[in-house]
Amino acid sequence: MFPGSLHVRDVDMQRADDDRIWRHAAANGFVIVSKDDDFRQRALVQGPPPKVIGLLLGNCTVEETIAAIRNHAQFLDAFANDSTAAYFAIERPANG
């Protein structure tokens, strides 16, 4: 659904600090998808690039995370194409 997506482990950065991940994403045109609030704060202070998608889902399964991202696909496309947008939150539905 999102061609070209990579996990930090795919680029041998699973142990990298936030700054290194941030710089890599910015230099390579990636959007950071994370539960880490530090990326939200950085996105709002520094602005893009890179853009950040915050997963505000609490404890959940991988399947629930994937479903939440897929359910927001149309909004994520708009977010990716908005040159001024820095942060987009995906939250758990009120009844979920």
PDB file of N, CA and C in Angstrom:
ATOM      1  N   MET A   1       0.815  -1.206   0.000  1.00  0.00           N
ATOM      2  CA  MET A   1       0.000   0.000   0.000  1.00  0.00           C
ATOM      3  C   MET A   1       0.858   1.269   0.000  1.00  0.00           C
ATOM      4  N   PHE A   2       2.027   1.183   0.595  1.00  0.00           N
ATOM      5  CA  PHE A   2       2.933   2.324   0.656  1.00  0.00           C
ATOM      6  C   PHE A   2       4.306   1.887   0.110  1.00  0.00           C
ATOM      7  N   PRO A   3       4.432   1.862  -1.216  1.00  0.00           N
ATOM      8  CA  PRO A   3       5.683   1.396  -1.832  1.00  0.00           C
ATOM      9  C   PRO A   3       6.875   2.217  -1.368  1.00  0.00           C
ATOM     10  N   GLY A   4       7.985   1.538  -1.197  1.00  0.00           N
ATOM     11  CA  GLY A   4       9.206   2.218  -0.774  1.00  0.00           C
ATOM     12  C   GLY A   4       9.338   2.371   0.726  1.00  0.00           C
ATOM     13  N   SER A   5       8.335   1.907   1.466  1.00  0.00           N
ATOM     14  CA  SER A   5       8.406   1.988   2.927  1.00  0.00           C
ATOM     15  C   SER A   5       9.482   1.054   3.452  1.00  0.00           C
ATOM     16  N   LEU A   6      10.167   1.507   4.477  1.00  0.00           N
ATOM     17  CA  LEU A   6      11.214   0.708   5.101  1.00  0.00           C
ATOM     18  C   LEU A   6      11.082   0.795   6.611  1.00  0.00           C
ATOM     19  N   HIS A   7      11.554  -0.235   7.271  1.00  0.00           N
ATOM     20  CA  HIS A   7      11.676  -0.223   8.729  1.00  0.00           C
ATOM     21  C   HIS A   7      13.116   0.165   9.044  1.00  0.00           C
ATOM     22  N   VAL A   8      13.351   0.744  10.199  1.00  0.00           N
ATOM     23  CA  VAL A   8      14.724   1.136  10.547  1.00  0.00           C
ATOM     24  C   VAL A   8      15.682  -0.046  10.459  1.00  0.00           C
ATOM     25  N   ARG A   9      15.199  -1.242  10.725  1.00  0.00           N
ATOM     26  CA  ARG A   9      16.096  -2.410  10.637  1.00  0.00           C
ATOM     27  C   ARG A   9      16.523  -2.674   9.190  1.00  0.00           C
ATOM     28  N   ASP A  10      15.698  -2.253   8.208  1.00  0.00           N
ATOM     29  CA  ASP A  10      16.036  -2.456   6.802  1.00  0.00           C
ATOM     30  C   ASP A  10      17.243  -1.633   6.368  1.00  0.00           C
ATOM     31  N   VAL A  11      17.549  -0.582   7.106  1.00  0.00           N
ATOM     32  CA  VAL A  11      18.705   0.268   6.803  1.00  0.00           C
ATOM     33  C   VAL A  11      19.714   0.244   7.954  1.00  0.00           C
ATOM     34  N   ASP A  12      19.659  -0.845   8.732  1.00  0.00           N
ATOM     35  CA  ASP A  12      20.590  -1.084   9.846  1.00  0.00           C
ATOM     36  C   ASP A  12      20.631   0.086  10.826  1.00  0.00           C
ATOM     37  N   MET A  13      19.446   0.617  11.155  1.00  0.00           N
ATOM     38  CA  MET A  13      19.379   1.736  12.098  1.00  0.00           C
ATOM     39  C   MET A  13      18.493   1.418  13.302  1.00  0.00           C
ATOM     40  N   GLN A  14      18.269   0.141  13.588  1.00  0.00           N
ATOM     41  CA  GLN A  14      17.381  -0.222  14.683  1.00  0.00           C
ATOM     42  C   GLN A  14      17.883   0.257  16.043  1.00  0.00           C
ATOM     43  N   ARG A  15      19.160   0.544  16.150  1.00  0.00           N
ATOM     44  CA  ARG A  15      19.707   1.048  17.412  1.00  0.00           C
ATOM     45  C   ARG A  15      20.122   2.524  17.313  1.00  0.00           C
ATOM     46  N   ALA A  16      19.755   3.155  16.220  1.00  0.00           N
ATOM     47  CA  ALA A  16      20.140   4.560  16.002  1.00  0.00           C
ATOM     48  C   ALA A  16      19.350   5.491  16.908  1.00  0.00           C
ATOM     49  N   ASP A  17      19.962   6.608  17.264  1.00  0.00           N
ATOM     50  CA  ASP A  17      19.236   7.597  18.065  1.00  0.00           C
ATOM     51  C   ASP A  17      18.284   8.388  17.167  1.00  0.00           C
ATOM     52  N   ASP A  18      17.388   9.127  17.807  1.00  0.00           N
ATOM     53  CA  ASP A  18      16.360   9.871  17.072  1.00  0.00           C
ATOM     54  C   ASP A  18      16.966  10.833  16.055  1.00  0.00           C
ATOM     55  N   ASP A  19      18.059  11.490  16.424  1.00  0.00           N
ATOM     56  CA  ASP A  19      18.658  12.469  15.515  1.00  0.00           C
ATOM     57  C   ASP A  19      19.148  11.810  14.228  1.00  0.00           C
ATOM     58  N   ARG A  20      19.768  10.654  14.357  1.00  0.00           N
ATOM     59  CA  ARG A  20      20.264   9.959  13.159  1.00  0.00           C
ATOM     60  C   ARG A  20      19.099   9.506  12.282  1.00  0.00           C
ATOM     61  N   ILE A  21      18.041   8.993  12.883  1.00  0.00           N
ATOM     62  CA  ILE A  21      16.856   8.587  12.124  1.00  0.00           C
ATOM     63  C   ILE A  21      16.236   9.797  11.439  1.00  0.00           C
ATOM     64  N   TRP A  22      16.132  10.902  12.160  1.00  0.00           N
ATOM     65  CA  TRP A  22      15.572  12.137  11.609  1.00  0.00           C
ATOM     66  C   TRP A  22      16.362  12.593  10.377  1.00  0.00           C
ATOM     67  N   ARG A  23      17.673  12.640  10.514  1.00  0.00           N
ATOM     68  CA  ARG A  23      18.524  13.092   9.408  1.00  0.00           C
ATOM     69  C   ARG A  23      18.431  12.151   8.207  1.00  0.00           C
ATOM     70  N   HIS A  24      18.386  10.861   8.466  1.00  0.00           N
ATOM     71  CA  HIS A  24      18.266   9.882   7.377  1.00  0.00           C
ATOM     72  C   HIS A  24      16.930  10.049   6.649  1.00  0.00           C
ATOM     73  N   ALA A  25      15.859  10.198   7.405  1.00  0.00           N
ATOM     74  CA  ALA A  25      14.532  10.377   6.793  1.00  0.00           C
ATOM     75  C   ALA A  25      14.494  11.658   5.963  1.00  0.00           C
ATOM     76  N   ALA A  26      15.021  12.738   6.502  1.00  0.00           N
ATOM     77  CA  ALA A  26      15.020  14.016   5.780  1.00  0.00           C
ATOM     78  C   ALA A  26      15.844  13.929   4.497  1.00  0.00           C
ATOM     79  N   ALA A  27      17.011  13.315   4.578  1.00  0.00           N
ATOM     80  CA  ALA A  27      17.902  13.237   3.417  1.00  0.00           C
ATOM     81  C   ALA A  27      17.372  12.320   2.322  1.00  0.00           C
ATOM     82  N   ASN A  28      16.504  11.374   2.698  1.00  0.00           N
ATOM     83  CA  ASN A  28      16.056  10.373   1.738  1.00  0.00           C
ATOM     84  C   ASN A  28      14.568  10.453   1.405  1.00  0.00           C
ATOM     85  N   GLY A  29      13.914  11.520   1.849  1.00  0.00           N
ATOM     86  CA  GLY A  29      12.516  11.731   1.499  1.00  0.00           C
ATOM     87  C   GLY A  29      11.523  10.801   2.187  1.00  0.00           C
ATOM     88  N   PHE A  30      11.890  10.311   3.358  1.00  0.00           N
ATOM     89  CA  PHE A  30      10.994   9.428   4.102  1.00  0.00           C
ATOM     90  C   PHE A  30      10.102  10.200   5.052  1.00  0.00           C
ATOM     91  N   VAL A  31       8.981   9.614   5.388  1.00  0.00           N
ATOM     92  CA  VAL A  31       8.103  10.075   6.455  1.00  0.00           C
ATOM     93  C   VAL A  31       8.340   9.137   7.632  1.00  0.00           C
ATOM     94  N   ILE A  32       8.532   9.673   8.815  1.00  0.00           N
ATOM     95  CA  ILE A  32       8.737   8.852  10.001  1.00  0.00           C
ATOM     96  C   ILE A  32       7.376   8.469  10.565  1.00  0.00           C
ATOM     97  N   VAL A  33       7.189   7.183  10.829  1.00  0.00           N
ATOM     98  CA  VAL A  33       5.976   6.673  11.462  1.00  0.00           C
ATOM     99  C   VAL A  33       6.415   6.088  12.794  1.00  0.00           C
ATOM    100  N   SER A  34       5.884   6.650  13.891  1.00  0.00           N
ATOM    101  CA  SER A  34       6.403   6.261  15.196  1.00  0.00           C
ATOM    102  C   SER A  34       5.400   6.502  16.309  1.00  0.00           C
ATOM    103  N   LYS A  35       5.556   5.752  17.385  1.00  0.00           N
ATOM    104  CA  LYS A  35       4.805   6.001  18.615  1.00  0.00           C
ATOM    105  C   LYS A  35       5.586   6.967  19.526  1.00  0.00           C
ATOM    106  N   ASP A  36       6.801   7.275  19.167  1.00  0.00           N
ATOM    107  CA  ASP A  36       7.709   8.095  19.973  1.00  0.00           C
ATOM    108  C   ASP A  36       7.297   9.567  19.921  1.00  0.00           C
ATOM    109  N   ASP A  37       6.940  10.124  21.051  1.00  0.00           N
ATOM    110  CA  ASP A  37       6.501  11.518  21.112  1.00  0.00           C
ATOM    111  C   ASP A  37       7.634  12.498  20.804  1.00  0.00           C
ATOM    112  N   ASP A  38       8.878  12.066  20.947  1.00  0.00           N
ATOM    113  CA  ASP A  38      10.005  12.950  20.623  1.00  0.00           C
ATOM    114  C   ASP A  38       9.961  13.386  19.161  1.00  0.00           C
ATOM    115  N   PHE A  39       9.538  12.493  18.262  1.00  0.00           N
ATOM    116  CA  PHE A  39       9.445  12.854  16.852  1.00  0.00           C
ATOM    117  C   PHE A  39       8.333  13.875  16.618  1.00  0.00           C
ATOM    118  N   ARG A  40       7.228  13.747  17.342  1.00  0.00           N
ATOM    119  CA  ARG A  40       6.149  14.745  17.231  1.00  0.00           C
ATOM    120  C   ARG A  40       6.668  16.115  17.627  1.00  0.00           C
ATOM    121  N   GLN A  41       7.330  16.178  18.757  1.00  0.00           N
ATOM    122  CA  GLN A  41       7.850  17.455  19.243  1.00  0.00           C
ATOM    123  C   GLN A  41       8.826  18.066  18.235  1.00  0.00           C
ATOM    124  N   ARG A  42       9.695  17.249  17.713  1.00  0.00           N
ATOM    125  CA  ARG A  42      10.684  17.747  16.753  1.00  0.00           C
ATOM    126  C   ARG A  42      10.003  18.243  15.478  1.00  0.00           C
ATOM    127  N   ALA A  43       9.013  17.497  15.004  1.00  0.00           N
ATOM    128  CA  ALA A  43       8.296  17.892  13.783  1.00  0.00           C
ATOM    129  C   ALA A  43       7.607  19.238  13.968  1.00  0.00           C
ATOM    130  N   LEU A  44       7.001  19.438  15.138  1.00  0.00           N
ATOM    131  CA  LEU A  44       6.271  20.679  15.376  1.00  0.00           C
ATOM    132  C   LEU A  44       7.208  21.864  15.581  1.00  0.00           C
ATOM    133  N   VAL A  45       8.387  21.626  16.123  1.00  0.00           N
ATOM    134  CA  VAL A  45       9.351  22.711  16.342  1.00  0.00           C
ATOM    135  C   VAL A  45      10.144  23.007  15.067  1.00  0.00           C
ATOM    136  N   GLN A  46      10.641  21.970  14.405  1.00  0.00           N
ATOM    137  CA  GLN A  46      11.531  22.162  13.262  1.00  0.00           C
ATOM    138  C   GLN A  46      10.796  22.195  11.928  1.00  0.00           C
ATOM    139  N   GLY A  47       9.632  21.570  11.869  1.00  0.00           N
ATOM    140  CA  GLY A  47       8.912  21.482  10.608  1.00  0.00           C
ATOM    141  C   GLY A  47       9.552  20.476   9.671  1.00  0.00           C
ATOM    142  N   PRO A  48       8.895  20.240   8.537  1.00  0.00           N
ATOM    143  CA  PRO A  48       9.423  19.251   7.604  1.00  0.00           C
ATOM    144  C   PRO A  48      10.550  19.830   6.754  1.00  0.00           C
ATOM    145  N   PRO A  49      11.346  19.002   6.121  1.00  0.00           N
ATOM    146  CA  PRO A  49      11.300  17.548   6.203  1.00  0.00           C
ATOM    147  C   PRO A  49      12.093  17.035   7.390  1.00  0.00           C
ATOM    148  N   PRO A  50      11.869  15.827   7.807  1.00  0.00           N
ATOM    149  CA  PRO A  50      10.844  14.912   7.330  1.00  0.00           C
ATOM    150  C   PRO A  50       9.510  15.187   8.012  1.00  0.00           C
ATOM    151  N   LYS A  51       8.492  14.617   7.477  1.00  0.00           N
ATOM    152  CA  LYS A  51       7.177  14.650   8.097  1.00  0.00           C
ATOM    153  C   LYS A  51       7.093  13.492   9.084  1.00  0.00           C
ATOM    154  N   VAL A  52       6.173  13.608  10.043  1.00  0.00           N
ATOM    155  CA  VAL A  52       6.029  12.571  11.058  1.00  0.00           C
ATOM    156  C   VAL A  52       4.564  12.171  11.181  1.00  0.00           C
ATOM    157  N   ILE A  53       4.334  10.871  11.197  1.00  0.00           N
ATOM    158  CA  ILE A  53       3.014  10.317  11.494  1.00  0.00           C
ATOM    159  C   ILE A  53       3.118   9.686  12.873  1.00  0.00           C
ATOM    160  N   GLY A  54       2.336  10.217  13.804  1.00  0.00           N
ATOM    161  CA  GLY A  54       2.343   9.711  15.169  1.00  0.00           C
ATOM    162  C   GLY A  54       1.269   8.662  15.357  1.00  0.00           C
ATOM    163  N   LEU A  55       1.652   7.528  15.897  1.00  0.00           N
ATOM    164  CA  LEU A  55       0.715   6.449  16.184  1.00  0.00           C
ATOM    165  C   LEU A  55       0.317   6.533  17.653  1.00  0.00           C
ATOM    166  N   LEU A  56      -0.851   7.123  17.895  1.00  0.00           N
ATOM    167  CA  LEU A  56      -1.344   7.303  19.256  1.00  0.00           C
ATOM    168  C   LEU A  56      -2.361   6.200  19.535  1.00  0.00           C
ATOM    169  N   LEU A  57      -1.877   4.976  19.527  1.00  0.00           N
ATOM    170  CA  LEU A  57      -2.756   3.818  19.589  1.00  0.00           C
ATOM    171  C   LEU A  57      -2.672   3.063  20.907  1.00  0.00           C
ATOM    172  N   GLY A  58      -1.757   3.459  21.762  1.00  0.00           N
ATOM    173  CA  GLY A  58      -1.591   2.708  23.006  1.00  0.00           C
ATOM    174  C   GLY A  58      -1.072   1.311  22.705  1.00  0.00           C
ATOM    175  N   ASN A  59      -1.283   0.414  23.653  1.00  0.00           N
ATOM    176  CA  ASN A  59      -0.871  -0.975  23.446  1.00  0.00           C
ATOM    177  C   ASN A  59      -1.796  -1.616  22.435  1.00  0.00           C
ATOM    178  N   CYS A  60      -1.231  -2.175  21.394  1.00  0.00           N
ATOM    179  CA  CYS A  60      -2.036  -2.824  20.367  1.00  0.00           C
ATOM    180  C   CYS A  60      -1.180  -3.816  19.602  1.00  0.00           C
ATOM    181  N   THR A  61      -1.836  -4.637  18.830  1.00  0.00           N
ATOM    182  CA  THR A  61      -1.129  -5.636  18.039  1.00  0.00           C
ATOM    183  C   THR A  61      -0.605  -5.004  16.759  1.00  0.00           C
ATOM    184  N   VAL A  62       0.273  -5.721  16.088  1.00  0.00           N
ATOM    185  CA  VAL A  62       0.772  -5.283  14.792  1.00  0.00           C
ATOM    186  C   VAL A  62      -0.396  -5.178  13.820  1.00  0.00           C
ATOM    187  N   GLU A  63      -1.298  -6.134  13.875  1.00  0.00           N
ATOM    188  CA  GLU A  63      -2.456  -6.127  12.979  1.00  0.00           C
ATOM    189  C   GLU A  63      -3.320  -4.891  13.200  1.00  0.00           C
ATOM    190  N   GLU A  64      -3.511  -4.495  14.451  1.00  0.00           N
ATOM    191  CA  GLU A  64      -4.289  -3.285  14.751  1.00  0.00           C
ATOM    192  C   GLU A  64      -3.581  -2.030  14.244  1.00  0.00           C
ATOM    193  N   THR A  65      -2.268  -2.011  14.351  1.00  0.00           N
ATOM    194  CA  THR A  65      -1.487  -0.877  13.848  1.00  0.00           C
ATOM    195  C   THR A  65      -1.614  -0.781  12.330  1.00  0.00           C
ATOM    196  N   ILE A  66      -1.468  -1.902  11.660  1.00  0.00           N
ATOM    197  CA  ILE A  66      -1.598  -1.920  10.203  1.00  0.00           C
ATOM    198  C   ILE A  66      -2.991  -1.457   9.783  1.00  0.00           C
ATOM    199  N   ALA A  67      -4.010  -1.948  10.461  1.00  0.00           N
ATOM    200  CA  ALA A  67      -5.386  -1.554  10.137  1.00  0.00           C
ATOM    201  C   ALA A  67      -5.584  -0.057  10.328  1.00  0.00           C
ATOM    202  N   ALA A  68      -5.044   0.494  11.401  1.00  0.00           N
ATOM    203  CA  ALA A  68      -5.190   1.933  11.666  1.00  0.00           C
ATOM    204  C   ALA A  68      -4.529   2.751  10.556  1.00  0.00           C
ATOM    205  N   ILE A  69      -3.344   2.340  10.140  1.00  0.00           N
ATOM    206  CA  ILE A  69      -2.649   3.059   9.064  1.00  0.00           C
ATOM    207  C   ILE A  69      -3.433   2.949   7.758  1.00  0.00           C
ATOM    208  N   ARG A  70      -3.874   1.758   7.433  1.00  0.00           N
ATOM    209  CA  ARG A  70      -4.645   1.568   6.195  1.00  0.00           C
ATOM    210  C   ARG A  70      -5.954   2.347   6.224  1.00  0.00           C
ATOM    211  N   ASN A  71      -6.596   2.424   7.373  1.00  0.00           N
ATOM    212  CA  ASN A  71      -7.855   3.165   7.485  1.00  0.00           C
ATOM    213  C   ASN A  71      -7.673   4.663   7.300  1.00  0.00           C
ATOM    214  N   HIS A  72      -6.452   5.133   7.412  1.00  0.00           N
ATOM    215  CA  HIS A  72      -6.156   6.559   7.253  1.00  0.00           C
ATOM    216  C   HIS A  72      -5.443   6.866   5.937  1.00  0.00           C
ATOM    217  N   ALA A  73      -5.386   5.907   5.026  1.00  0.00           N
ATOM    218  CA  ALA A  73      -4.594   6.053   3.796  1.00  0.00           C
ATOM    219  C   ALA A  73      -4.931   7.321   3.020  1.00  0.00           C
ATOM    220  N   GLN A  74      -6.214   7.637   2.870  1.00  0.00           N
ATOM    221  CA  GLN A  74      -6.567   8.826   2.085  1.00  0.00           C
ATOM    222  C   GLN A  74      -6.081  10.102   2.763  1.00  0.00           C
ATOM    223  N   PHE A  75      -6.094  10.133   4.081  1.00  0.00           N
ATOM    224  CA  PHE A  75      -5.605  11.304   4.807  1.00  0.00           C
ATOM    225  C   PHE A  75      -4.082  11.382   4.725  1.00  0.00           C
ATOM    226  N   LEU A  76      -3.427  10.223   4.727  1.00  0.00           N
ATOM    227  CA  LEU A  76      -1.974  10.200   4.653  1.00  0.00           C
ATOM    228  C   LEU A  76      -1.476  10.683   3.304  1.00  0.00           C
ATOM    229  N   ASP A  77      -2.206  10.373   2.246  1.00  0.00           N
ATOM    230  CA  ASP A  77      -1.845  10.896   0.927  1.00  0.00           C
ATOM    231  C   ASP A  77      -1.916  12.418   0.910  1.00  0.00           C
ATOM    232  N   ALA A  78      -2.990  12.963   1.464  1.00  0.00           N
ATOM    233  CA  ALA A  78      -3.144  14.425   1.524  1.00  0.00           C
ATOM    234  C   ALA A  78      -2.042  15.038   2.385  1.00  0.00           C
ATOM    235  N   PHE A  79      -1.738  14.406   3.503  1.00  0.00           N
ATOM    236  CA  PHE A  79      -0.674  14.874   4.398  1.00  0.00           C
ATOM    237  C   PHE A  79       0.668  14.892   3.662  1.00  0.00           C
ATOM    238  N   ALA A  80       0.962  13.814   2.961  1.00  0.00           N
ATOM    239  CA  ALA A  80       2.241  13.718   2.241  1.00  0.00           C
ATOM    240  C   ALA A  80       2.371  14.799   1.171  1.00  0.00           C
ATOM    241  N   ASN A  81       1.262  15.199   0.587  1.00  0.00           N
ATOM    242  CA  ASN A  81       1.295  16.194  -0.493  1.00  0.00           C
ATOM    243  C   ASN A  81       1.177  17.634  -0.013  1.00  0.00           C
ATOM    244  N   ASP A  82       0.982  17.840   1.268  1.00  0.00           N
ATOM    245  CA  ASP A  82       0.880  19.178   1.841  1.00  0.00           C
ATOM    246  C   ASP A  82       2.284  19.631   2.256  1.00  0.00           C
ATOM    247  N   SER A  83       2.845  20.564   1.531  1.00  0.00           N
ATOM    248  CA  SER A  83       4.235  20.975   1.773  1.00  0.00           C
ATOM    249  C   SER A  83       4.448  21.654   3.119  1.00  0.00           C
ATOM    250  N   THR A  84       3.399  22.113   3.758  1.00  0.00           N
ATOM    251  CA  THR A  84       3.560  22.798   5.039  1.00  0.00           C
ATOM    252  C   THR A  84       3.254  21.914   6.242  1.00  0.00           C
ATOM    253  N   ALA A  85       2.601  20.777   6.026  1.00  0.00           N
ATOM    254  CA  ALA A  85       2.222  19.897   7.135  1.00  0.00           C
ATOM    255  C   ALA A  85       3.442  19.161   7.668  1.00  0.00           C
ATOM    256  N   ALA A  86       3.567  19.121   8.990  1.00  0.00           N
ATOM    257  CA  ALA A  86       4.712  18.477   9.611  1.00  0.00           C
ATOM    258  C   ALA A  86       4.329  17.207  10.360  1.00  0.00           C
ATOM    259  N   TYR A  87       3.103  17.164  10.895  1.00  0.00           N
ATOM    260  CA  TYR A  87       2.726  16.062  11.796  1.00  0.00           C
ATOM    261  C   TYR A  87       1.285  15.653  11.558  1.00  0.00           C
ATOM    262  N   PHE A  88       1.054  14.349  11.576  1.00  0.00           N
ATOM    263  CA  PHE A  88      -0.290  13.794  11.455  1.00  0.00           C
ATOM    264  C   PHE A  88      -0.432  12.705  12.505  1.00  0.00           C
ATOM    265  N   ALA A  89      -1.496  12.771  13.293  1.00  0.00           N
ATOM    266  CA  ALA A  89      -1.728  11.778  14.357  1.00  0.00           C
ATOM    267  C   ALA A  89      -2.782  10.776  13.919  1.00  0.00           C
ATOM    268  N   ILE A  90      -2.472   9.517  14.149  1.00  0.00           N
ATOM    269  CA  ILE A  90      -3.453   8.448  13.985  1.00  0.00           C
ATOM    270  C   ILE A  90      -3.795   7.979  15.396  1.00  0.00           C
ATOM    271  N   GLU A  91      -5.044   8.191  15.767  1.00  0.00           N
ATOM    272  CA  GLU A  91      -5.477   7.844  17.120  1.00  0.00           C
ATOM    273  C   GLU A  91      -6.388   6.638  17.118  1.00  0.00           C
ATOM    274  N   ARG A  92      -6.442   5.985  18.255  1.00  0.00           N
ATOM    275  CA  ARG A  92      -7.350   4.861  18.446  1.00  0.00           C
ATOM    276  C   ARG A  92      -8.770   5.412  18.455  1.00  0.00           C
ATOM    277  N   PRO A  93      -9.680   4.760  17.740  1.00  0.00           N
ATOM    278  CA  PRO A  93     -11.071   5.216  17.760  1.00  0.00           C
ATOM    279  C   PRO A  93     -11.632   5.214  19.189  1.00  0.00           C
ATOM    280  N   ALA A  94     -12.527   6.130  19.465  1.00  0.00           N
ATOM    281  CA  ALA A  94     -13.090   6.274  20.818  1.00  0.00           C
ATOM    282  C   ALA A  94     -13.712   4.972  21.309  1.00  0.00           C
ATOM    283  N   ASN A  95     -14.290   4.177  20.409  1.00  0.00           N
ATOM    284  CA  ASN A  95     -14.918   2.935  20.824  1.00  0.00           C
ATOM    285  C   ASN A  95     -13.936   1.757  20.768  1.00  0.00           C
ATOM    286  N   GLY A  96     -12.685   2.025  20.415  1.00  0.00           N
ATOM    287  CA  GLY A  96     -11.708   0.940  20.263  1.00  0.00           C
ATOM    288  C   GLY A  96     -10.722   0.998  21.351  1.00  0.00           C
TER     289      GLY A  96
END
